[in-house]
C-alpha atoms as a PDB file:
ATOM      1  CA  MET A   1     -13.284  -6.316 -38.946  1.00  0.00           C
ATOM      2  CA  LYS A   2     -15.249  -7.731 -36.027  1.00  0.00           C
ATOM      3  CA  LEU A   3     -14.139  -8.790 -32.569  1.00  0.00           C
ATOM      4  CA  GLU A   4     -15.446 -12.210 -31.535  1.00  0.00           C
ATOM      5  CA  GLY A   5     -16.782 -11.263 -28.118  1.00  0.00           C
ATOM      6  CA  ILE A   6     -14.794 -11.804 -24.940  1.00  0.00           C
ATOM      7  CA  HIS A   7     -11.580 -13.815 -25.236  1.00  0.00           C
ATOM      8  CA  HIS A   8     -10.716 -14.015 -21.523  1.00  0.00           C
ATOM      9  CA  ILE A   9     -11.124 -12.125 -18.274  1.00  0.00           C
ATOM     10  CA  THR A  10      -8.199 -11.826 -15.870  1.00  0.00           C
ATOM     11  CA  ALA A  11      -8.628 -11.241 -12.141  1.00  0.00           C
ATOM     12  CA  ILE A  12      -6.525 -11.346  -8.980  1.00  0.00           C
ATOM     13  CA  THR A  13      -6.481 -13.864  -6.132  1.00  0.00           C
ATOM     14  CA  ALA A  14      -4.533 -14.052  -2.897  1.00  0.00           C
ATOM     15  CA  ASP A  15      -5.297 -17.758  -2.441  1.00  0.00           C
ATOM     16  CA  ALA A  16      -4.542 -20.012  -5.406  1.00  0.00           C
ATOM     17  CA  PRO A  17      -5.557 -23.291  -3.696  1.00  0.00           C
ATOM     18  CA  GLY A  18      -8.920 -21.848  -2.636  1.00  0.00           C
ATOM     19  CA  ASN A  19      -9.332 -20.304  -6.068  1.00  0.00           C
ATOM     20  CA  VAL A  20      -8.719 -23.656  -7.784  1.00  0.00           C
ATOM     21  CA  ASP A  21     -11.215 -25.344  -5.470  1.00  0.00           C
ATOM     22  CA  PHE A  22     -13.937 -22.768  -6.116  1.00  0.00           C
ATOM     23  CA  TYR A  23     -13.645 -22.547  -9.884  1.00  0.00           C
ATOM     24  CA  THR A  24     -13.024 -26.235 -10.626  1.00  0.00           C
ATOM     25  CA  ARG A  25     -14.916 -28.103  -7.896  1.00  0.00           C
ATOM     26  CA  VAL A  26     -17.783 -25.676  -7.243  1.00  0.00           C
ATOM     27  CA  LEU A  27     -18.294 -24.033 -10.652  1.00  0.00           C
ATOM     28  CA  GLY A  28     -17.101 -27.042 -12.639  1.00  0.00           C
ATOM     29  CA  LEU A  29     -14.618 -25.288 -14.916  1.00  0.00           C
ATOM     30  CA  ARG A  30     -11.495 -27.027 -16.164  1.00  0.00           C
ATOM     31  CA  LEU A  31      -8.046 -25.802 -15.109  1.00  0.00           C
ATOM     32  CA  VAL A  32      -6.613 -25.672 -18.625  1.00  0.00           C
ATOM     33  CA  LYS A  33      -3.298 -23.926 -18.013  1.00  0.00           C
ATOM     34  CA  LYS A  34      -1.106 -23.619 -14.939  1.00  0.00           C
ATOM     35  CA  THR A  35       1.588 -21.126 -15.856  1.00  0.00           C
ATOM     36  CA  VAL A  36       3.137 -17.878 -14.603  1.00  0.00           C
ATOM     37  CA  ASN A  37       2.441 -14.197 -15.020  1.00  0.00           C
ATOM     38  CA  GLN A  38       4.785 -13.343 -17.871  1.00  0.00           C
ATOM     39  CA  ASP A  39       5.303  -9.828 -16.482  1.00  0.00           C
ATOM     40  CA  ASP A  40       6.084 -11.224 -13.005  1.00  0.00           C
ATOM     41  CA  PRO A  41       6.985 -14.928 -13.324  1.00  0.00           C
ATOM     42  CA  THR A  42       7.268 -15.442  -9.559  1.00  0.00           C
ATOM     43  CA  VAL A  43       3.438 -15.639  -9.374  1.00  0.00           C
ATOM     44  CA  TYR A  44       0.900 -17.959 -10.966  1.00  0.00           C
ATOM     45  CA  HIS A  45      -1.283 -17.268 -13.946  1.00  0.00           C
ATOM     46  CA  LEU A  46      -4.123 -19.810 -13.732  1.00  0.00           C
ATOM     47  CA  PHE A  47      -6.596 -20.320 -16.591  1.00  0.00           C
ATOM     48  CA  TYR A  48     -10.056 -21.911 -16.167  1.00  0.00           C
ATOM     49  CA  ALA A  49     -12.263 -22.610 -19.169  1.00  0.00           C
ATOM     50  CA  ASP A  50     -14.374 -25.184 -20.967  1.00  0.00           C
ATOM     51  CA  GLU A  51     -13.031 -28.631 -21.833  1.00  0.00           C
ATOM     52  CA  LEU A  52     -11.100 -27.333 -24.859  1.00  0.00           C
ATOM     53  CA  GLY A  53      -9.698 -24.148 -23.323  1.00  0.00           C
ATOM     54  CA  SER A  54     -11.682 -22.042 -25.784  1.00  0.00           C
ATOM     55  CA  PRO A  55     -11.643 -18.263 -26.114  1.00  0.00           C
ATOM     56  CA  GLY A  56     -14.950 -17.080 -24.719  1.00  0.00           C
ATOM     57  CA  ALA A  57     -14.884 -19.292 -21.615  1.00  0.00           C
ATOM     58  CA  ASP A  58     -11.511 -18.444 -20.165  1.00  0.00           C
ATOM     59  CA  LEU A  59     -11.353 -16.878 -16.674  1.00  0.00           C
ATOM     60  CA  THR A  60      -7.794 -16.354 -15.488  1.00  0.00           C
ATOM     61  CA  PHE A  61      -6.146 -15.308 -12.219  1.00  0.00           C
ATOM     62  CA  PHE A  62      -2.851 -13.886 -11.078  1.00  0.00           C
ATOM     63  CA  GLU A  63      -1.988 -15.082  -7.567  1.00  0.00           C
ATOM     64  CA  TYR A  64      -0.401 -12.646  -5.112  1.00  0.00           C
ATOM     65  CA  PRO A  65      -0.336 -14.528  -1.775  1.00  0.00           C
ATOM     66  CA  GLY A  66      -1.374 -12.387   1.167  1.00  0.00           C
ATOM     67  CA  LEU A  67      -2.655  -9.508  -0.962  1.00  0.00           C
ATOM     68  CA  PRO A  68      -5.524  -7.663   0.770  1.00  0.00           C
ATOM     69  CA  ARG A  69      -8.955  -7.749  -0.801  1.00  0.00           C
ATOM     70  CA  GLY A  70      -9.709  -4.994  -3.248  1.00  0.00           C
ATOM     71  CA  ARG A  71     -12.999  -3.400  -4.175  1.00  0.00           C
ATOM     72  CA  ALA A  72     -14.411  -2.455  -7.545  1.00  0.00           C
ATOM     73  CA  GLY A  73     -14.961   1.210  -8.267  1.00  0.00           C
ATOM     74  CA  ALA A  74     -15.128   3.614 -11.192  1.00  0.00           C
ATOM     75  CA  GLY A  75     -13.014   2.420 -14.102  1.00  0.00           C
ATOM     76  CA  MET A  76     -13.156  -1.249 -13.055  1.00  0.00           C
ATOM     77  CA  VAL A  77     -15.134  -4.329 -14.085  1.00  0.00           C
ATOM     78  CA  HIS A  78     -17.283  -5.432 -11.140  1.00  0.00           C
ATOM     79  CA  THR A  79     -19.232  -8.472 -12.416  1.00  0.00           C
ATOM     80  CA  VAL A  80     -18.472 -11.406 -14.714  1.00  0.00           C
ATOM     81  CA  VAL A  81     -21.589 -12.871 -16.347  1.00  0.00           C
ATOM     82  CA  TRP A  82     -21.827 -16.487 -17.561  1.00  0.00           C
ATOM     83  CA  ARG A  83     -24.439 -18.067 -19.786  1.00  0.00           C
ATOM     84  CA  VAL A  84     -26.464 -21.158 -19.082  1.00  0.00           C
ATOM     85  CA  GLY A  85     -29.050 -22.719 -21.345  1.00  0.00           C
ATOM     86  CA  SER A  86     -32.262 -22.653 -19.302  1.00  0.00           C
ATOM     87  CA  GLU A  87     -34.138 -21.537 -16.208  1.00  0.00           C
ATOM     88  CA  GLU A  88     -33.693 -25.116 -14.942  1.00  0.00           C
ATOM     89  CA  ALA A  89     -29.941 -24.563 -15.077  1.00  0.00           C
ATOM     90  CA  VAL A  90     -30.302 -21.362 -13.046  1.00  0.00           C
ATOM     91  CA  ALA A  91     -32.298 -23.319 -10.458  1.00  0.00           C
ATOM     92  CA  PHE A  92     -29.596 -26.011 -10.391  1.00  0.00           C
ATOM     93  CA  TRP A  93     -26.921 -23.395  -9.666  1.00  0.00           C
ATOM     94  CA  ALA A  94     -29.010 -21.683  -6.995  1.00  0.00           C
ATOM     95  CA  GLU A  95     -29.287 -24.993  -5.157  1.00  0.00           C
ATOM     96  CA  ARG A  96     -25.648 -25.984  -5.687  1.00  0.00           C
ATOM     97  CA  LEU A  97     -24.243 -22.660  -4.521  1.00  0.00           C
ATOM     98  CA  ALA A  98     -26.530 -22.512  -1.500  1.00  0.00           C
ATOM     99  CA  ALA A  99     -25.316 -25.986  -0.495  1.00  0.00           C
ATOM    100  CA  GLU A 100     -21.777 -24.527  -0.519  1.00  0.00           C
ATOM    101  CA  GLY A 101     -22.857 -21.791   1.878  1.00  0.00           C
ATOM    102  CA  ILE A 102     -22.723 -19.132  -0.842  1.00  0.00           C
ATOM    103  CA  GLU A 103     -25.316 -16.386  -0.583  1.00  0.00           C
ATOM    104  CA  VAL A 104     -27.227 -15.998  -3.846  1.00  0.00           C
ATOM    105  CA  GLU A 105     -29.725 -13.497  -5.211  1.00  0.00           C
ATOM    106  CA  ARG A 106     -32.105 -14.845  -7.842  1.00  0.00           C
ATOM    107  CA  ASP A 107     -34.107 -12.501 -10.028  1.00  0.00           C
ATOM    108  CA  ASP A 108     -35.717 -12.798 -13.482  1.00  0.00           C
ATOM    109  CA  GLY A 109     -33.578 -15.600 -14.914  1.00  0.00           C
ATOM    110  CA  ARG A 110     -30.408 -14.334 -13.208  1.00  0.00           C
ATOM    111  CA  LEU A 111     -28.397 -15.568 -10.272  1.00  0.00           C
ATOM    112  CA  ARG A 112     -25.999 -13.156  -8.558  1.00  0.00           C
ATOM    113  CA  PHE A 113     -23.295 -14.153  -6.068  1.00  0.00           C
ATOM    114  CA  THR A 114     -19.600 -13.638  -5.338  1.00  0.00           C
ATOM    115  CA  ASP A 115     -16.599 -15.920  -5.244  1.00  0.00           C
ATOM    116  CA  ARG A 116     -14.716 -16.603  -2.009  1.00  0.00           C
ATOM    117  CA  GLU A 117     -12.819 -13.314  -2.310  1.00  0.00           C
ATOM    118  CA  GLY A 118     -15.808 -11.127  -3.123  1.00  0.00           C
ATOM    119  CA  MET A 119     -15.613 -10.877  -6.910  1.00  0.00           C
ATOM    120  CA  GLY A 120     -19.026 -10.307  -8.478  1.00  0.00           C
ATOM    121  CA  LEU A 121     -20.382 -13.192 -10.552  1.00  0.00           C
ATOM    122  CA  GLU A 122     -23.667 -13.770 -12.335  1.00  0.00           C
ATOM    123  CA  ILE A 123     -25.299 -16.678 -14.143  1.00  0.00           C
ATOM    124  CA  VAL A 124     -28.030 -15.890 -16.670  1.00  0.00           C
ATOM    125  CA  ALA A 125     -30.269 -18.057 -18.843  1.00  0.00           C
ATOM    126  CA  VAL A 126     -29.999 -16.895 -22.450  1.00  0.00           C
ATOM    127  CA  GLU A 127     -30.872 -18.152 -25.919  1.00  0.00           C
ATOM    128  CA  VAL A 128     -28.117 -17.520 -28.465  1.00  0.00           C
ATOM    129  CA  ASP A 129     -26.750 -19.412 -31.448  1.00  0.00           C
ATOM    130  CA  ASP A 130     -23.195 -19.373 -30.063  1.00  0.00           C
ATOM    131  CA  GLU A 131     -21.658 -22.775 -29.385  1.00  0.00           C
ATOM    132  CA  PRO A 132     -21.974 -23.732 -25.686  1.00  0.00           C
ATOM    133  CA  LEU A 133     -18.474 -23.820 -24.177  1.00  0.00           C
ATOM    134  CA  VAL A 134     -18.881 -26.531 -21.553  1.00  0.00           C
ATOM    135  CA  ALA A 135     -16.496 -28.262 -19.161  1.00  0.00           C
ATOM    136  CA  ARG A 136     -17.103 -31.788 -17.824  1.00  0.00           C
ATOM    137  CA  HIS A 137     -17.656 -32.337 -14.115  1.00  0.00           C
ATOM    138  CA  PRO A 138     -19.039 -35.449 -12.406  1.00  0.00           C
ATOM    139  CA  GLU A 139     -21.499 -33.458 -10.255  1.00  0.00           C
ATOM    140  CA  ILE A 140     -22.759 -31.053 -12.926  1.00  0.00           C
ATOM    141  CA  PRO A 141     -25.063 -32.297 -15.713  1.00  0.00           C
ATOM    142  CA  ALA A 142     -23.842 -31.069 -19.090  1.00  0.00           C
ATOM    143  CA  GLU A 143     -27.185 -29.382 -19.775  1.00  0.00           C
ATOM    144  CA  HIS A 144     -26.743 -27.243 -16.638  1.00  0.00           C
ATOM    145  CA  ALA A 145     -23.036 -26.438 -17.030  1.00  0.00           C
ATOM    146  CA  LEU A 146     -21.710 -22.939 -17.569  1.00  0.00           C
ATOM    147  CA  GLN A 147     -21.588 -22.233 -21.328  1.00  0.00           C
ATOM    148  CA  GLY A 148     -19.008 -19.437 -21.556  1.00  0.00           C
ATOM    149  CA  PHE A 149     -19.146 -15.710 -20.953  1.00  0.00           C
ATOM    150  CA  HIS A 150     -22.211 -13.650 -21.659  1.00  0.00           C
ATOM    151  CA  GLY A 151     -20.537 -10.344 -20.772  1.00  0.00           C
ATOM    152  CA  VAL A 152     -19.085  -8.080 -18.113  1.00  0.00           C
ATOM    153  CA  ARG A 153     -20.389  -5.113 -16.133  1.00  0.00           C
ATOM    154  CA  ALA A 154     -18.140  -2.182 -15.221  1.00  0.00           C
ATOM    155  CA  TYR A 155     -18.462   1.019 -13.224  1.00  0.00           C
ATOM    156  CA  THR A 156     -18.124   4.464 -14.789  1.00  0.00           C
ATOM    157  CA  ILE A 157     -19.169   7.982 -13.903  1.00  0.00           C
ATOM    158  CA  ASP A 158     -19.616   8.962 -17.556  1.00  0.00           C
ATOM    159  CA  PRO A 159     -20.550   6.247 -20.081  1.00  0.00           C
ATOM    160  CA  GLU A 160     -20.783   8.843 -22.855  1.00  0.00           C
ATOM    161  CA  ALA A 161     -17.039   9.424 -22.597  1.00  0.00           C
ATOM    162  CA  SER A 162     -16.478   5.880 -23.878  1.00  0.00           C
ATOM    163  CA  ARG A 163     -19.175   5.777 -26.558  1.00  0.00           C
ATOM    164  CA  ALA A 164     -17.045   6.890 -29.508  1.00  0.00           C
ATOM    165  CA  ALA A 165     -14.193   4.524 -28.652  1.00  0.00           C
ATOM    166  CA  LEU A 166     -16.536   1.573 -28.229  1.00  0.00           C
ATOM    167  CA  GLU A 167     -18.760   2.197 -31.251  1.00  0.00           C
ATOM    168  CA  GLU A 168     -16.561   3.938 -33.812  1.00  0.00           C
ATOM    169  CA  ASN A 169     -13.199   2.349 -33.050  1.00  0.00           C
ATOM    170  CA  LEU A 170     -13.972  -1.104 -31.634  1.00  0.00           C
ATOM    171  CA  GLY A 171     -17.212  -1.898 -33.456  1.00  0.00           C
ATOM    172  CA  PHE A 172     -19.420  -2.362 -30.377  1.00  0.00           C
ATOM    173  CA  GLU A 173     -23.137  -2.032 -31.145  1.00  0.00           C
ATOM    174  CA  PRO A 174     -25.221   0.013 -28.671  1.00  0.00           C
ATOM    175  CA  ASP A 175     -27.937  -1.736 -26.680  1.00  0.00           C
ATOM    176  CA  GLY A 176     -29.509   1.126 -24.767  1.00  0.00           C
ATOM    177  CA  ASP A 177     -27.679   3.981 -23.085  1.00  0.00           C
ATOM    178  CA  ARG A 178     -25.243   1.984 -20.978  1.00  0.00           C
ATOM    179  CA  ALA A 179     -24.715  -1.360 -22.734  1.00  0.00           C
ATOM    180  CA  TRP A 180     -23.125  -2.612 -25.951  1.00  0.00           C
ATOM    181  CA  GLU A 181     -22.774  -5.899 -27.797  1.00  0.00           C
ATOM    182  CA  VAL A 182     -19.680  -6.925 -29.721  1.00  0.00           C
ATOM    183  CA  ARG A 183     -20.284  -9.842 -32.089  1.00  0.00           C
ATOM    184  CA  GLY A 184     -18.272 -11.574 -34.771  1.00  0.00           C
ATOM    185  CA  GLU A 185     -18.977 -14.558 -36.990  1.00  0.00           C
ATOM    186  CA  GLN A 186     -18.706 -17.098 -34.155  1.00  0.00           C
ATOM    187  CA  ARG A 187     -19.496 -15.419 -30.824  1.00  0.00           C
ATOM    188  CA  GLY A 188     -20.676 -12.285 -29.106  1.00  0.00           C
ATOM    189  CA  SER A 189     -20.622 -10.711 -25.648  1.00  0.00           C
ATOM    190  CA  PHE A 190     -21.979  -7.615 -23.953  1.00  0.00           C
ATOM    191  CA  TYR A 191     -20.214  -4.789 -22.149  1.00  0.00           C
ATOM    192  CA  ALA A 192     -22.269  -2.643 -19.774  1.00  0.00           C
ATOM    193  CA  TYR A 193     -21.795   0.195 -17.301  1.00  0.00           C
ATOM    194  CA  ASP A 194     -23.343   0.850 -13.907  1.00  0.00           C
ATOM    195  CA  GLU A 195     -23.151   3.845 -11.589  1.00  0.00           C
ATOM    196  CA  PRO A 196     -20.085   3.468  -9.353  1.00  0.00           C
ATOM    197  CA  PRO A 197     -20.271   3.281  -5.577  1.00  0.00           C
ATOM    198  CA  SER A 198     -19.227   6.353  -3.610  1.00  0.00           C
ATOM    199  CA  GLU A 199     -16.162   4.546  -2.304  1.00  0.00           C
ATOM    200  CA  ARG A 200     -13.070   4.739  -4.464  1.00  0.00           C
ATOM    201  CA  GLY A 201     -12.082   1.476  -6.161  1.00  0.00           C
ATOM    202  CA  GLN A 202      -8.920  -0.329  -5.207  1.00  0.00           C
ATOM    203  CA  GLY A 203      -7.186  -3.239  -6.926  1.00  0.00           C
ATOM    204  CA  GLY A 204      -6.539  -6.359  -4.879  1.00  0.00           C
ATOM    205  CA  ALA A 205      -7.760  -9.890  -4.322  1.00  0.00           C
ATOM    206  CA  GLY A 206     -11.229 -10.427  -5.743  1.00  0.00           C
ATOM    207  CA  THR A 207     -11.000  -7.722  -8.403  1.00  0.00           C
ATOM    208  CA  VAL A 208     -10.833  -7.893 -12.184  1.00  0.00           C
ATOM    209  CA  HIS A 209      -7.509  -6.829 -13.699  1.00  0.00           C
ATOM    210  CA  HIS A 210      -8.581  -6.626 -17.361  1.00  0.00           C
ATOM    211  CA  VAL A 211     -10.978  -7.948 -19.970  1.00  0.00           C
ATOM    212  CA  ALA A 212      -9.683  -9.296 -23.291  1.00  0.00           C
ATOM    213  CA  TRP A 213     -11.623  -9.299 -26.561  1.00  0.00           C
ATOM    214  CA  SER A 214     -11.102 -11.928 -29.264  1.00  0.00           C
ATOM    215  CA  SER A 215      -9.296 -10.914 -32.429  1.00  0.00           C
ATOM    216  CA  PRO A 216      -8.797 -13.209 -35.416  1.00  0.00           C
ATOM    217  CA  MET A 217      -5.056 -13.631 -35.910  1.00  0.00           C
ATOM    218  CA  ASP A 218      -5.084 -12.060 -39.374  1.00  0.00           C
ATOM    219  CA  ASP A 219      -6.751  -8.875 -38.069  1.00  0.00           C
ATOM    220  CA  HIS A 220      -4.584  -8.283 -35.017  1.00  0.00           C
ATOM    221  CA  GLU A 221      -2.108  -5.770 -36.427  1.00  0.00           C
ATOM    222  CA  ALA A 222      -4.950  -3.882 -38.089  1.00  0.00           C
ATOM    223  CA  TRP A 223      -6.811  -3.694 -34.785  1.00  0.00           C
ATOM    224  CA  ARG A 224      -3.718  -2.295 -33.102  1.00  0.00           C
ATOM    225  CA  ARG A 225      -3.415   0.386 -35.782  1.00  0.00           C
ATOM    226  CA  ARG A 226      -7.077   1.303 -35.395  1.00  0.00           C
ATOM    227  CA  VAL A 227      -6.710   1.646 -31.617  1.00  0.00           C
ATOM    228  CA  ALA A 228      -3.570   3.751 -32.042  1.00  0.00           C
ATOM    229  CA  GLU A 229      -5.251   6.024 -34.587  1.00  0.00           C
ATOM    230  CA  ALA A 230      -8.065   6.576 -32.064  1.00  0.00           C
ATOM    231  CA  GLY A 231      -5.510   7.951 -29.592  1.00  0.00           C
ATOM    232  CA  LEU A 232      -5.962   5.087 -27.107  1.00  0.00           C
ATOM    233  CA  ARG A 233      -2.202   4.474 -26.794  1.00  0.00           C
ATOM    234  CA  PRO A 234      -1.974   0.690 -27.245  1.00  0.00           C
ATOM    235  CA  THR A 235       1.075  -1.336 -26.311  1.00  0.00           C
ATOM    236  CA  PRO A 236       3.052  -3.058 -29.041  1.00  0.00           C
ATOM    237  CA  VAL A 237       1.864  -6.569 -29.918  1.00  0.00           C
ATOM    238  CA  ILE A 238       3.159  -8.832 -27.136  1.00  0.00           C
ATOM    239  CA  ASP A 239       3.691 -12.534 -27.809  1.00  0.00           C
ATOM    240  CA  ARG A 240       2.196 -14.454 -24.855  1.00  0.00           C
ATOM    241  CA  PHE A 241       2.977 -17.801 -26.550  1.00  0.00           C
ATOM    242  CA  TYR A 242      -0.625 -19.052 -26.195  1.00  0.00           C
ATOM    243  CA  PHE A 243      -1.966 -15.895 -27.879  1.00  0.00           C
ATOM    244  CA  ARG A 244      -0.769 -12.438 -28.876  1.00  0.00           C
ATOM    245  CA  SER A 245      -1.874  -9.372 -26.943  1.00  0.00           C
ATOM    246  CA  VAL A 246      -2.347  -5.637 -27.248  1.00  0.00           C
ATOM    247  CA  TYR A 247      -3.331  -3.620 -24.148  1.00  0.00           C
ATOM    248  CA  PHE A 248      -4.899  -0.171 -23.714  1.00  0.00           C
ATOM    249  CA  ARG A 249      -7.365   1.598 -21.456  1.00  0.00           C
ATOM    250  CA  GLU A 250     -10.741   2.589 -22.810  1.00  0.00           C
ATOM    251  CA  PRO A 251     -11.834   6.091 -21.728  1.00  0.00           C
ATOM    252  CA  SER A 252     -13.630   4.961 -18.539  1.00  0.00           C
ATOM    253  CA  GLY A 253     -10.338   3.538 -17.263  1.00  0.00           C
ATOM    254  CA  VAL A 254     -11.066  -0.173 -17.743  1.00  0.00           C
ATOM    255  CA  LEU A 255      -8.007  -2.040 -19.045  1.00  0.00           C
ATOM    256  CA  PHE A 256      -8.789  -3.743 -22.360  1.00  0.00           C
ATOM    257  CA  GLU A 257      -6.759  -6.362 -24.165  1.00  0.00           C
ATOM    258  CA  LEU A 258      -7.115  -7.576 -27.724  1.00  0.00           C
ATOM    259  CA  ALA A 259      -6.041 -11.240 -27.779  1.00  0.00           C
ATOM    260  CA  THR A 260      -5.686 -13.526 -30.778  1.00  0.00           C
ATOM    261  CA  MET A 261      -7.741 -16.693 -31.114  1.00  0.00           C
ATOM    262  CA  GLY A 262      -4.656 -18.895 -31.138  1.00  0.00           C
ATOM    263  CA  PRO A 263      -2.211 -20.577 -31.127  1.00  0.00           C
ATOM    264  CA  GLY A 264      -4.054 -21.857 -28.005  1.00  0.00           C
ATOM    265  CA  PHE A 265      -3.247 -23.907 -24.927  1.00  0.00           C
ATOM    266  CA  THR A 266      -2.259 -27.069 -26.786  1.00  0.00           C
ATOM    267  CA  ALA A 267       0.842 -25.267 -28.079  1.00  0.00           C
ATOM    268  CA  ASP A 268       2.923 -26.964 -25.379  1.00  0.00           C
ATOM    269  CA  GLU A 269       0.851 -29.826 -23.923  1.00  0.00           C
ATOM    270  CA  PRO A 270      -1.792 -32.267 -25.192  1.00  0.00           C
ATOM    271  CA  LEU A 271      -5.475 -31.517 -24.753  1.00  0.00           C
ATOM    272  CA  GLU A 272      -5.976 -34.580 -22.549  1.00  0.00           C
ATOM    273  CA  THR A 273      -3.607 -33.310 -19.829  1.00  0.00           C
ATOM    274  CA  LEU A 274      -4.083 -29.547 -20.017  1.00  0.00           C
ATOM    275  CA  GLY A 275      -3.404 -27.841 -16.701  1.00  0.00           C
ATOM    276  CA  GLU A 276      -1.972 -30.849 -14.907  1.00  0.00           C
ATOM    277  CA  GLY A 277       1.639 -29.646 -14.844  1.00  0.00           C
ATOM    278  CA  LEU A 278       3.377 -26.287 -14.735  1.00  0.00           C
ATOM    279  CA  SER A 279       3.593 -24.962 -18.304  1.00  0.00           C
ATOM    280  CA  LEU A 280       6.263 -22.377 -19.087  1.00  0.00           C
ATOM    281  CA  PRO A 281       6.733 -20.553 -22.390  1.00  0.00           C
ATOM    282  CA  PRO A 282      10.148 -21.401 -23.880  1.00  0.00           C
ATOM    283  CA  ASN A 283      11.861 -18.212 -22.707  1.00  0.00           C
ATOM    284  CA  TYR A 284      10.809 -18.972 -19.104  1.00  0.00           C
ATOM    285  CA  GLU A 285      11.839 -22.636 -19.149  1.00  0.00           C
ATOM    286  CA  PRO A 286      15.306 -21.897 -17.645  1.00  0.00           C
ATOM    287  CA  LEU A 287      13.473 -20.630 -14.525  1.00  0.00           C
ATOM    288  CA  ARG A 288      11.530 -23.866 -13.960  1.00  0.00           C
ATOM    289  CA  GLU A 289      13.482 -25.230 -10.988  1.00  0.00           C
ATOM    290  CA  ARG A 290      13.408 -21.896  -9.195  1.00  0.00           C
ATOM    291  CA  LEU A 291       9.709 -21.291  -9.881  1.00  0.00           C
ATOM    292  CA  GLU A 292       8.575 -24.770  -8.853  1.00  0.00           C
ATOM    293  CA  ALA A 293      10.283 -24.173  -5.512  1.00  0.00           C
ATOM    294  CA  ILE A 294       8.403 -20.944  -4.745  1.00  0.00           C
ATOM    295  CA  LEU A 295       4.970 -21.291  -6.383  1.00  0.00           C
ATOM    296  CA  THR A 296       2.059 -22.268  -4.124  1.00  0.00           C
ATOM    297  CA  PRO A 297       1.242 -26.012  -4.116  1.00  0.00           C
ATOM    298  CA  LEU A 298      -2.152 -26.593  -5.743  1.00  0.00           C
ATOM    299  CA  PRO A 299      -4.782 -29.319  -5.353  1.00  0.00           C
ATOM    300  CA  ASP A 300      -5.045 -32.026  -8.009  1.00  0.00           C
ATOM    301  CA  THR A 301      -8.093 -31.340 -10.213  1.00  0.00           C
ATOM    302  CA  ARG A 302      -7.935 -34.416 -12.446  1.00  0.00           C
ATOM    303  CA  GLY A 303     -10.755 -36.209 -10.637  1.00  0.00           C
ATOM    304  CA  ALA A 304     -13.171 -33.469 -11.712  1.00  0.00           C
ATOM    305  CA  ARG A 305     -12.594 -34.280 -15.372  1.00  0.00           C
ATOM    306  CA  THR A 306     -14.535 -37.540 -15.318  1.00  0.00           C
ATOM    307  CA  PRO A 307     -17.235 -37.378 -18.029  1.00  0.00           C
ATOM    308  CA  ASN A 308     -20.781 -37.111 -16.721  1.00  0.00           C
END
């Protein structure tokens, strides 16, 4: 069995309207699903991805209005890394972000910056055979668009404590002392550790909640058994309607999810109008009137979907 790289990454925001503006207007991603946190349906779960809502390009956020900013520390992901196809694309993003007043650091084919709430982001020019997962945006040429996740970076005091779980149980291949690649038949991603800051980490706005890895549907139960046999204490398989999930913490403390590559976001709305209305899984549909009254109003993103 092989995991197909990153499925999605879920983070936390205190400002859904600002979050939508940054990730759709500035970074050019498509809002592909506007739904609720199924463990706390009074708050949003927003999904940004490529045009098709593909696993491998899907950055998601829970909104907790008014939540203080957090900070990444040991046992937390601190940087989300996207691919682009060329150094010219990196230069395009350096100019675009600077025009938005966003401080950037450019170094050796990489561009580092943060979102409006301080979450670490990086754009890197890479050459891989994976399909580019691109969203359409009128201001972003397709050849410069973000192409899906390249990987994530986390903090840990002891990377060796996680080596057996990553390599023997999850099939990650080592790439040096502190980095691994996980690659299936279609896609791959990296997972890397850095030394943590001295300050203790704290969850909050601008922090990553968990990282999900892509599991083919037919392998999902087998993956759960493998994780359980490794003593990593996975949850039961949870049906999230758009995919099925298993959660556990790897030894460094980072929360992992194994998510199936389907059914997908077109399970309850057509591809052409993904993300335009509030989507609720069937068991949450009776709450629609109540939820629509309390969820934060969001800007309309349809104008950003004009083909370039």
